[in-house]
């Protein structure tokens, strides 16, 4: 018989070993931060949900954005971004600013005038004045001082209507006044103060003076053509 095959060679045992390598710092670029963003005049800057009237806190990380808003009666300009971003170079993107809103000049007032003849800034008032012989008529919700609104319109204003002349104690040559209540008689607008009521003692003294002989209740005036005595001599020798 043939000889048996030789036995297989013994397997070599593989031993794995590890080598400890100390930690090495990663070569990453430093984090870029931007300075504080200054809020626009008449506005505010918002960062991470908080509004700031002066500026944001310093050291804002790159790629973060802020939002700009304006106060009432102001709006953001067309140039710039509403959401400026902190750029990789370490400065901010160009942002918008706030500018005031204006209304067109107030329309001409019939039989009156307006104190401002140019554009009016939103939130301010104009004053209406009527010409002589006319007075202010407020009407429904009208005002003598209409205000310019943010949408470019005005609040309702007053009108001027003809001032009627009063029929009492007035002549055709007297001018009408545009003051309220001028159509009332002079006696009602400027009443005279009541005279003090005399006492009984004063009445008796006056009656006694009138009963005396030679006494007249008459006072000379400039229309007299000749002097007239206030008291004539008494014929009674006892007086």
C-alpha atoms as a PDB file:
ATOM      1  CA  UNK A   1       0.000   0.000   0.000  1.00  0.00           C
ATOM      2  CA  UNK A   2       1.071   3.565  -0.567  1.00  0.00           C
ATOM      3  CA  UNK A   3       2.510   5.443   2.321  1.00  0.00           C
ATOM      4  CA  UNK A   4       0.158   7.797   4.226  1.00  0.00           C
ATOM      5  CA  UNK A   5       0.275  11.524   3.356  1.00  0.00           C
ATOM      6  CA  UNK A   6       2.370  13.729   5.542  1.00  0.00           C
ATOM      7  CA  UNK A   7       0.546  15.658   8.232  1.00  0.00           C
ATOM      8  CA  UNK A   8      -0.274  19.328   7.478  1.00  0.00           C
ATOM      9  CA  UNK A   9       2.090  21.923   8.849  1.00  0.00           C
ATOM     10  CA  UNK A  10       1.055  23.506  12.130  1.00  0.00           C
ATOM     11  CA  UNK A  11      -0.786  26.809  11.840  1.00  0.00           C
ATOM     12  CA  UNK A  12       1.061  29.856  12.985  1.00  0.00           C
ATOM     13  CA  UNK A  13      -0.821  31.871  15.597  1.00  0.00           C
ATOM     14  CA  UNK A  14      -1.204  35.529  14.634  1.00  0.00           C
ATOM     15  CA  UNK A  15      -0.812  37.964  17.519  1.00  0.00           C
ATOM     16  CA  UNK A  16      -2.205  41.503  17.036  1.00  0.00           C
ATOM     17  CA  UNK A  17      -0.756  44.341  19.049  1.00  0.00           C
ATOM     18  CA  UNK A  18      -1.789  48.023  19.338  1.00  0.00           C
ATOM     19  CA  UNK A  19       0.442  51.023  19.661  1.00  0.00           C
ATOM     20  CA  UNK A  20      -0.654  54.013  21.772  1.00  0.00           C
ATOM     21  CA  UNK A  21      -0.350  57.310  19.852  1.00  0.00           C
ATOM     22  CA  UNK A  22      -0.648  60.581  21.817  1.00  0.00           C
ATOM     23  CA  UNK A  23      -3.553  62.948  20.940  1.00  0.00           C
ATOM     24  CA  UNK A  24      -2.728  65.430  18.221  1.00  0.00           C
ATOM     25  CA  UNK A  25      -4.633  68.773  17.874  1.00  0.00           C
ATOM     26  CA  UNK A  26      -6.772  69.033  14.781  1.00  0.00           C
ATOM     27  CA  UNK A  27      -5.732  71.773  12.372  1.00  0.00           C
ATOM     28  CA  UNK A  28      -9.119  73.597  12.213  1.00  0.00           C
ATOM     29  CA  UNK A  29      -9.524  77.288  11.341  1.00  0.00           C
ATOM     30  CA  UNK A  30     -10.429  79.603  14.258  1.00  0.00           C
ATOM     31  CA  UNK A  31     -14.050  80.664  14.731  1.00  0.00           C
ATOM     32  CA  UNK A  32     -14.691  84.047  13.130  1.00  0.00           C
ATOM     33  CA  UNK A  33     -16.752  86.546  15.107  1.00  0.00           C
ATOM     34  CA  UNK A  34     -18.159  89.951  14.151  1.00  0.00           C
ATOM     35  CA  UNK A  35     -18.345  93.032  16.366  1.00  0.00           C
ATOM     36  CA  UNK A  36     -21.634  94.289  17.792  1.00  0.00           C
ATOM     37  CA  UNK A  37     -24.153  95.461  15.202  1.00  0.00           C
ATOM     38  CA  UNK A  38     -25.319  99.029  15.884  1.00  0.00           C
ATOM     39  CA  UNK A  39     -29.094  99.574  15.675  1.00  0.00           C
ATOM     40  CA  UNK A  40     -30.309 102.074  13.047  1.00  0.00           C
ATOM     41  CA  UNK A  41     -31.555 105.489  14.145  1.00  0.00           C
ATOM     42  CA  UNK A  42     -35.309 105.416  14.906  1.00  0.00           C
ATOM     43  CA  UNK A  43     -35.199 101.605  14.892  1.00  0.00           C
ATOM     44  CA  UNK A  44     -33.940  98.423  16.591  1.00  0.00           C
ATOM     45  CA  UNK A  45     -31.788  95.368  15.825  1.00  0.00           C
ATOM     46  CA  UNK A  46     -32.955  91.853  16.759  1.00  0.00           C
ATOM     47  CA  UNK A  47     -30.636  88.909  17.493  1.00  0.00           C
ATOM     48  CA  UNK A  48     -31.676  85.506  18.825  1.00  0.00           C
ATOM     49  CA  UNK A  49     -35.186  86.728  19.602  1.00  0.00           C
ATOM     50  CA  UNK A  50     -34.198  89.829  21.570  1.00  0.00           C
ATOM     51  CA  UNK A  51     -34.477  93.439  20.434  1.00  0.00           C
ATOM     52  CA  UNK A  52     -31.723  95.977  21.086  1.00  0.00           C
ATOM     53  CA  UNK A  53     -32.190  99.743  20.747  1.00  0.00           C
ATOM     54  CA  UNK A  54     -28.439 100.508  20.821  1.00  0.00           C
ATOM     55  CA  UNK A  55     -26.482  97.462  19.578  1.00  0.00           C
ATOM     56  CA  UNK A  56     -26.207  93.698  19.854  1.00  0.00           C
ATOM     57  CA  UNK A  57     -23.757  92.054  22.252  1.00  0.00           C
ATOM     58  CA  UNK A  58     -20.212  91.783  20.900  1.00  0.00           C
ATOM     59  CA  UNK A  59     -18.643  88.661  19.354  1.00  0.00           C
ATOM     60  CA  UNK A  60     -21.440  87.435  17.124  1.00  0.00           C
ATOM     61  CA  UNK A  61     -20.432  84.165  15.392  1.00  0.00           C
ATOM     62  CA  UNK A  62     -20.131  84.079  11.620  1.00  0.00           C
ATOM     63  CA  UNK A  63     -23.084  83.001   9.454  1.00  0.00           C
ATOM     64  CA  UNK A  64     -25.529  84.356  12.022  1.00  0.00           C
ATOM     65  CA  UNK A  65     -28.036  87.012  11.000  1.00  0.00           C
ATOM     66  CA  UNK A  66     -29.736  89.941  12.708  1.00  0.00           C
ATOM     67  CA  UNK A  67     -33.061  91.574  11.779  1.00  0.00           C
ATOM     68  CA  UNK A  68     -33.667  95.326  11.486  1.00  0.00           C
ATOM     69  CA  UNK A  69     -36.971  97.074  12.300  1.00  0.00           C
ATOM     70  CA  UNK A  70     -38.115 100.723  12.393  1.00  0.00           C
ATOM     71  CA  UNK A  71     -40.247 102.759  14.778  1.00  0.00           C
ATOM     72  CA  UNK A  72     -43.766 103.960  14.044  1.00  0.00           C
ATOM     73  CA  UNK A  73     -43.978 106.517  11.205  1.00  0.00           C
ATOM     74  CA  UNK A  74     -40.614 105.293   9.820  1.00  0.00           C
ATOM     75  CA  UNK A  75     -39.748 102.652   7.218  1.00  0.00           C
ATOM     76  CA  UNK A  76     -36.686 100.702   6.041  1.00  0.00           C
ATOM     77  CA  UNK A  77     -34.774 102.132   3.100  1.00  0.00           C
ATOM     78  CA  UNK A  78     -34.573 100.335  -0.229  1.00  0.00           C
ATOM     79  CA  UNK A  79     -30.798  99.850  -0.144  1.00  0.00           C
ATOM     80  CA  UNK A  80     -29.191  97.235   2.070  1.00  0.00           C
ATOM     81  CA  UNK A  81     -30.398  94.012   3.646  1.00  0.00           C
ATOM     82  CA  UNK A  82     -33.081  93.620   6.271  1.00  0.00           C
ATOM     83  CA  UNK A  83     -31.196  90.572   7.623  1.00  0.00           C
ATOM     84  CA  UNK A  84     -27.480  91.463   7.660  1.00  0.00           C
ATOM     85  CA  UNK A  85     -25.173  88.453   8.063  1.00  0.00           C
ATOM     86  CA  UNK A  86     -21.869  88.090   9.861  1.00  0.00           C
ATOM     87  CA  UNK A  87     -19.455  87.268   7.032  1.00  0.00           C
ATOM     88  CA  UNK A  88     -16.405  84.963   7.121  1.00  0.00           C
ATOM     89  CA  UNK A  89     -14.111  87.962   6.836  1.00  0.00           C
ATOM     90  CA  UNK A  90     -15.282  89.220  10.250  1.00  0.00           C
ATOM     91  CA  UNK A  91     -17.512  92.133   9.232  1.00  0.00           C
ATOM     92  CA  UNK A  92     -21.219  92.607   8.649  1.00  0.00           C
ATOM     93  CA  UNK A  93     -23.193  92.631   5.464  1.00  0.00           C
ATOM     94  CA  UNK A  94     -24.553  96.080   4.515  1.00  0.00           C
ATOM     95  CA  UNK A  95     -27.887  96.639   6.296  1.00  0.00           C
ATOM     96  CA  UNK A  96     -30.839  98.987   5.800  1.00  0.00           C
ATOM     97  CA  UNK A  97     -31.510 102.233   7.670  1.00  0.00           C
ATOM     98  CA  UNK A  98     -34.756 103.935   8.757  1.00  0.00           C
ATOM     99  CA  UNK A  99     -36.251 106.951   6.995  1.00  0.00           C
ATOM    100  CA  UNK A 100     -39.355 109.013   7.934  1.00  0.00           C
ATOM    101  CA  UNK A 101     -42.686 108.721   6.144  1.00  0.00           C
ATOM    102  CA  UNK A 102     -44.327 111.811   4.629  1.00  0.00           C
ATOM    103  CA  UNK A 103     -47.724 112.978   3.419  1.00  0.00           C
ATOM    104  CA  UNK A 104     -48.295 115.189   0.411  1.00  0.00           C
ATOM    105  CA  UNK A 105     -49.127 118.849   1.149  1.00  0.00           C
ATOM    106  CA  UNK A 106     -52.565 119.286   2.710  1.00  0.00           C
ATOM    107  CA  UNK A 107     -55.220 120.166   0.073  1.00  0.00           C
ATOM    108  CA  UNK A 108     -56.216 123.791  -0.313  1.00  0.00           C
ATOM    109  CA  UNK A 109     -58.869 124.854   2.181  1.00  0.00           C
ATOM    110  CA  UNK A 110     -61.772 126.751   0.654  1.00  0.00           C
ATOM    111  CA  UNK A 111     -62.144 130.189   2.326  1.00  0.00           C
ATOM    112  CA  UNK A 112     -59.199 129.381   4.591  1.00  0.00           C
ATOM    113  CA  UNK A 113     -55.496 128.555   4.794  1.00  0.00           C
ATOM    114  CA  UNK A 114     -53.094 125.865   6.062  1.00  0.00           C
ATOM    115  CA  UNK A 115     -50.014 126.718   8.091  1.00  0.00           C
ATOM    116  CA  UNK A 116     -47.797 124.226   6.148  1.00  0.00           C
ATOM    117  CA  UNK A 117     -47.538 124.318   2.341  1.00  0.00           C
ATOM    118  CA  UNK A 118     -45.042 121.441   1.872  1.00  0.00           C
ATOM    119  CA  UNK A 119     -44.798 117.742   2.662  1.00  0.00           C
ATOM    120  CA  UNK A 120     -45.684 116.830   6.240  1.00  0.00           C
ATOM    121  CA  UNK A 121     -43.898 114.156   8.265  1.00  0.00           C
ATOM    122  CA  UNK A 122     -46.072 111.332   9.556  1.00  0.00           C
ATOM    123  CA  UNK A 123     -47.247 111.853  13.132  1.00  0.00           C
ATOM    124  CA  UNK A 124     -47.354 115.673  12.945  1.00  0.00           C
ATOM    125  CA  UNK A 125     -50.348 118.019  12.719  1.00  0.00           C
ATOM    126  CA  UNK A 126     -51.293 120.946  10.506  1.00  0.00           C
ATOM    127  CA  UNK A 127     -53.433 123.921  11.565  1.00  0.00           C
ATOM    128  CA  UNK A 128     -56.468 125.123   9.608  1.00  0.00           C
ATOM    129  CA  UNK A 129     -57.556 128.771   9.752  1.00  0.00           C
ATOM    130  CA  UNK A 130     -60.632 130.364   8.164  1.00  0.00           C
ATOM    131  CA  UNK A 131     -60.718 133.717   6.389  1.00  0.00           C
ATOM    132  CA  UNK A 132     -62.504 136.744   7.817  1.00  0.00           C
ATOM    133  CA  UNK A 133     -66.257 136.315   7.680  1.00  0.00           C
ATOM    134  CA  UNK A 134     -66.014 132.491   7.898  1.00  0.00           C
ATOM    135  CA  UNK A 135     -65.794 130.108  10.819  1.00  0.00           C
ATOM    136  CA  UNK A 136     -64.540 126.576  11.450  1.00  0.00           C
ATOM    137  CA  UNK A 137     -67.063 123.781  10.896  1.00  0.00           C
ATOM    138  CA  UNK A 138     -65.967 120.445  12.356  1.00  0.00           C
ATOM    139  CA  UNK A 139     -68.632 118.308  10.688  1.00  0.00           C
ATOM    140  CA  UNK A 140     -68.479 114.518  11.222  1.00  0.00           C
ATOM    141  CA  UNK A 141     -65.228 113.717  12.993  1.00  0.00           C
ATOM    142  CA  UNK A 142     -63.413 116.729  11.557  1.00  0.00           C
ATOM    143  CA  UNK A 143     -60.618 118.512  13.375  1.00  0.00           C
ATOM    144  CA  UNK A 144     -58.978 121.893  13.161  1.00  0.00           C
ATOM    145  CA  UNK A 145     -55.625 120.091  13.532  1.00  0.00           C
ATOM    146  CA  UNK A 146     -55.613 117.074  11.137  1.00  0.00           C
ATOM    147  CA  UNK A 147     -52.675 114.675  11.490  1.00  0.00           C
ATOM    148  CA  UNK A 148     -50.538 113.012   8.830  1.00  0.00           C
ATOM    149  CA  UNK A 149     -50.758 109.196   9.042  1.00  0.00           C
ATOM    150  CA  UNK A 150     -48.169 106.550   8.161  1.00  0.00           C
ATOM    151  CA  UNK A 151     -50.131 105.472   5.061  1.00  0.00           C
ATOM    152  CA  UNK A 152     -49.770 108.946   3.510  1.00  0.00           C
ATOM    153  CA  UNK A 153     -53.283 110.223   4.317  1.00  0.00           C
ATOM    154  CA  UNK A 154     -54.651 112.757   6.812  1.00  0.00           C
ATOM    155  CA  UNK A 155     -57.257 112.441   9.515  1.00  0.00           C
ATOM    156  CA  UNK A 156     -60.540 114.227   8.652  1.00  0.00           C
ATOM    157  CA  UNK A 157     -60.167 118.003   8.734  1.00  0.00           C
ATOM    158  CA  UNK A 158     -62.607 120.844   9.324  1.00  0.00           C
ATOM    159  CA  UNK A 159     -64.133 123.115   6.671  1.00  0.00           C
ATOM    160  CA  UNK A 160     -64.919 126.830   6.559  1.00  0.00           C
ATOM    161  CA  UNK A 161     -68.510 128.018   6.369  1.00  0.00           C
ATOM    162  CA  UNK A 162     -69.971 131.502   6.136  1.00  0.00           C
ATOM    163  CA  UNK A 163     -70.346 133.251   9.476  1.00  0.00           C
ATOM    164  CA  UNK A 164     -73.887 134.697   9.730  1.00  0.00           C
ATOM    165  CA  UNK A 165     -74.226 138.185  11.139  1.00  0.00           C
ATOM    166  CA  UNK A 166     -76.340 138.502  14.302  1.00  0.00           C
ATOM    167  CA  UNK A 167     -79.669 140.297  13.969  1.00  0.00           C
ATOM    168  CA  UNK A 168     -79.584 142.016  17.357  1.00  0.00           C
ATOM    169  CA  UNK A 169     -77.663 145.253  18.043  1.00  0.00           C
ATOM    170  CA  UNK A 170     -75.754 145.112  14.775  1.00  0.00           C
ATOM    171  CA  UNK A 171     -75.491 147.639  11.965  1.00  0.00           C
ATOM    172  CA  UNK A 172     -74.841 146.832   8.310  1.00  0.00           C
ATOM    173  CA  UNK A 173     -71.312 148.251   8.636  1.00  0.00           C
ATOM    174  CA  UNK A 174     -70.215 146.026  11.487  1.00  0.00           C
ATOM    175  CA  UNK A 175     -68.120 143.001  10.566  1.00  0.00           C
ATOM    176  CA  UNK A 176     -68.929 139.512  11.697  1.00  0.00           C
ATOM    177  CA  UNK A 177     -66.630 137.693  14.018  1.00  0.00           C
ATOM    178  CA  UNK A 178     -65.473 134.134  13.431  1.00  0.00           C
ATOM    179  CA  UNK A 179     -65.540 133.343  17.140  1.00  0.00           C
ATOM    180  CA  UNK A 180     -68.033 130.703  18.245  1.00  0.00           C
ATOM    181  CA  UNK A 181     -71.202 132.149  19.688  1.00  0.00           C
ATOM    182  CA  UNK A 182     -70.746 135.549  18.029  1.00  0.00           C
ATOM    183  CA  UNK A 183     -74.274 135.379  16.606  1.00  0.00           C
ATOM    184  CA  UNK A 184     -75.687 135.898  20.118  1.00  0.00           C
ATOM    185  CA  UNK A 185     -76.636 139.382  21.341  1.00  0.00           C
ATOM    186  CA  UNK A 186     -74.030 141.372  23.180  1.00  0.00           C
ATOM    187  CA  UNK A 187     -76.173 141.306  26.338  1.00  0.00           C
ATOM    188  CA  UNK A 188     -76.026 137.496  26.441  1.00  0.00           C
ATOM    189  CA  UNK A 189     -72.308 137.168  25.630  1.00  0.00           C
ATOM    190  CA  UNK A 190     -71.174 139.920  28.048  1.00  0.00           C
ATOM    191  CA  UNK A 191     -73.864 140.328  30.691  1.00  0.00           C
ATOM    192  CA  UNK A 192     -73.532 143.200  33.102  1.00  0.00           C
ATOM    193  CA  UNK A 193     -72.974 142.311  36.733  1.00  0.00           C
ATOM    194  CA  UNK A 194     -76.083 142.706  38.912  1.00  0.00           C
ATOM    195  CA  UNK A 195     -76.344 145.865  41.005  1.00  0.00           C
ATOM    196  CA  UNK A 196     -76.151 145.475  44.782  1.00  0.00           C
ATOM    197  CA  UNK A 197     -79.533 145.517  46.482  1.00  0.00           C
ATOM    198  CA  UNK A 198     -79.855 148.467  48.920  1.00  0.00           C
ATOM    199  CA  UNK A 199     -80.831 147.820  52.494  1.00  0.00           C
ATOM    200  CA  UNK A 200     -83.929 149.201  54.180  1.00  0.00           C
ATOM    201  CA  UNK A 201     -81.826 151.655  56.141  1.00  0.00           C
ATOM    202  CA  UNK A 202     -80.341 153.098  52.944  1.00  0.00           C
ATOM    203  CA  UNK A 203     -83.821 153.410  51.397  1.00  0.00           C
ATOM    204  CA  UNK A 204     -85.113 155.346  54.407  1.00  0.00           C
ATOM    205  CA  UNK A 205     -82.098 157.685  54.286  1.00  0.00           C
ATOM    206  CA  UNK A 206     -82.681 158.378  50.578  1.00  0.00           C
ATOM    207  CA  UNK A 207     -86.365 159.057  51.126  1.00  0.00           C
ATOM    208  CA  UNK A 208     -85.509 161.423  53.948  1.00  0.00           C
ATOM    209  CA  UNK A 209     -83.120 163.358  51.721  1.00  0.00           C
ATOM    210  CA  UNK A 210     -85.797 163.738  49.037  1.00  0.00           C
ATOM    211  CA  UNK A 211     -88.316 165.057  51.574  1.00  0.00           C
ATOM    212  CA  UNK A 212     -86.034 167.907  52.608  1.00  0.00           C
ATOM    213  CA  UNK A 213     -87.030 171.320  51.240  1.00  0.00           C
ATOM    214  CA  UNK A 214     -84.920 172.691  48.376  1.00  0.00           C
ATOM    215  CA  UNK A 215     -83.145 169.411  47.506  1.00  0.00           C
ATOM    216  CA  UNK A 216     -83.277 168.058  43.955  1.00  0.00           C
ATOM    217  CA  UNK A 217     -82.074 164.702  42.667  1.00  0.00           C
ATOM    218  CA  UNK A 218     -80.433 166.301  39.661  1.00  0.00           C
ATOM    219  CA  UNK A 219     -76.792 166.397  38.542  1.00  0.00           C
ATOM    220  CA  UNK A 220     -75.544 169.032  36.041  1.00  0.00           C
ATOM    221  CA  UNK A 221     -74.170 167.734  32.724  1.00  0.00           C
ATOM    222  CA  UNK A 222     -72.314 169.104  29.710  1.00  0.00           C
ATOM    223  CA  UNK A 223     -75.524 169.550  27.695  1.00  0.00           C
ATOM    224  CA  UNK A 224     -76.872 172.258  29.970  1.00  0.00           C
ATOM    225  CA  UNK A 225     -76.818 175.696  28.324  1.00  0.00           C
ATOM    226  CA  UNK A 226     -76.640 177.462  31.650  1.00  0.00           C
ATOM    227  CA  UNK A 227     -75.658 176.481  35.173  1.00  0.00           C
ATOM    228  CA  UNK A 228     -78.394 174.939  37.240  1.00  0.00           C
ATOM    229  CA  UNK A 229     -78.077 174.802  41.030  1.00  0.00           C
ATOM    230  CA  UNK A 230     -78.103 171.536  42.803  1.00  0.00           C
ATOM    231  CA  UNK A 231     -79.649 173.133  45.910  1.00  0.00           C
ATOM    232  CA  UNK A 232     -81.488 176.429  46.294  1.00  0.00           C
ATOM    233  CA  UNK A 233     -81.452 178.447  49.501  1.00  0.00           C
ATOM    234  CA  UNK A 234     -84.122 177.444  51.936  1.00  0.00           C
ATOM    235  CA  UNK A 235     -86.720 180.029  53.017  1.00  0.00           C
ATOM    236  CA  UNK A 236     -87.134 178.348  56.375  1.00  0.00           C
ATOM    237  CA  UNK A 237     -85.048 180.318  58.929  1.00  0.00           C
ATOM    238  CA  UNK A 238     -84.719 177.248  61.182  1.00  0.00           C
ATOM    239  CA  UNK A 239     -82.859 175.260  58.521  1.00  0.00           C
END
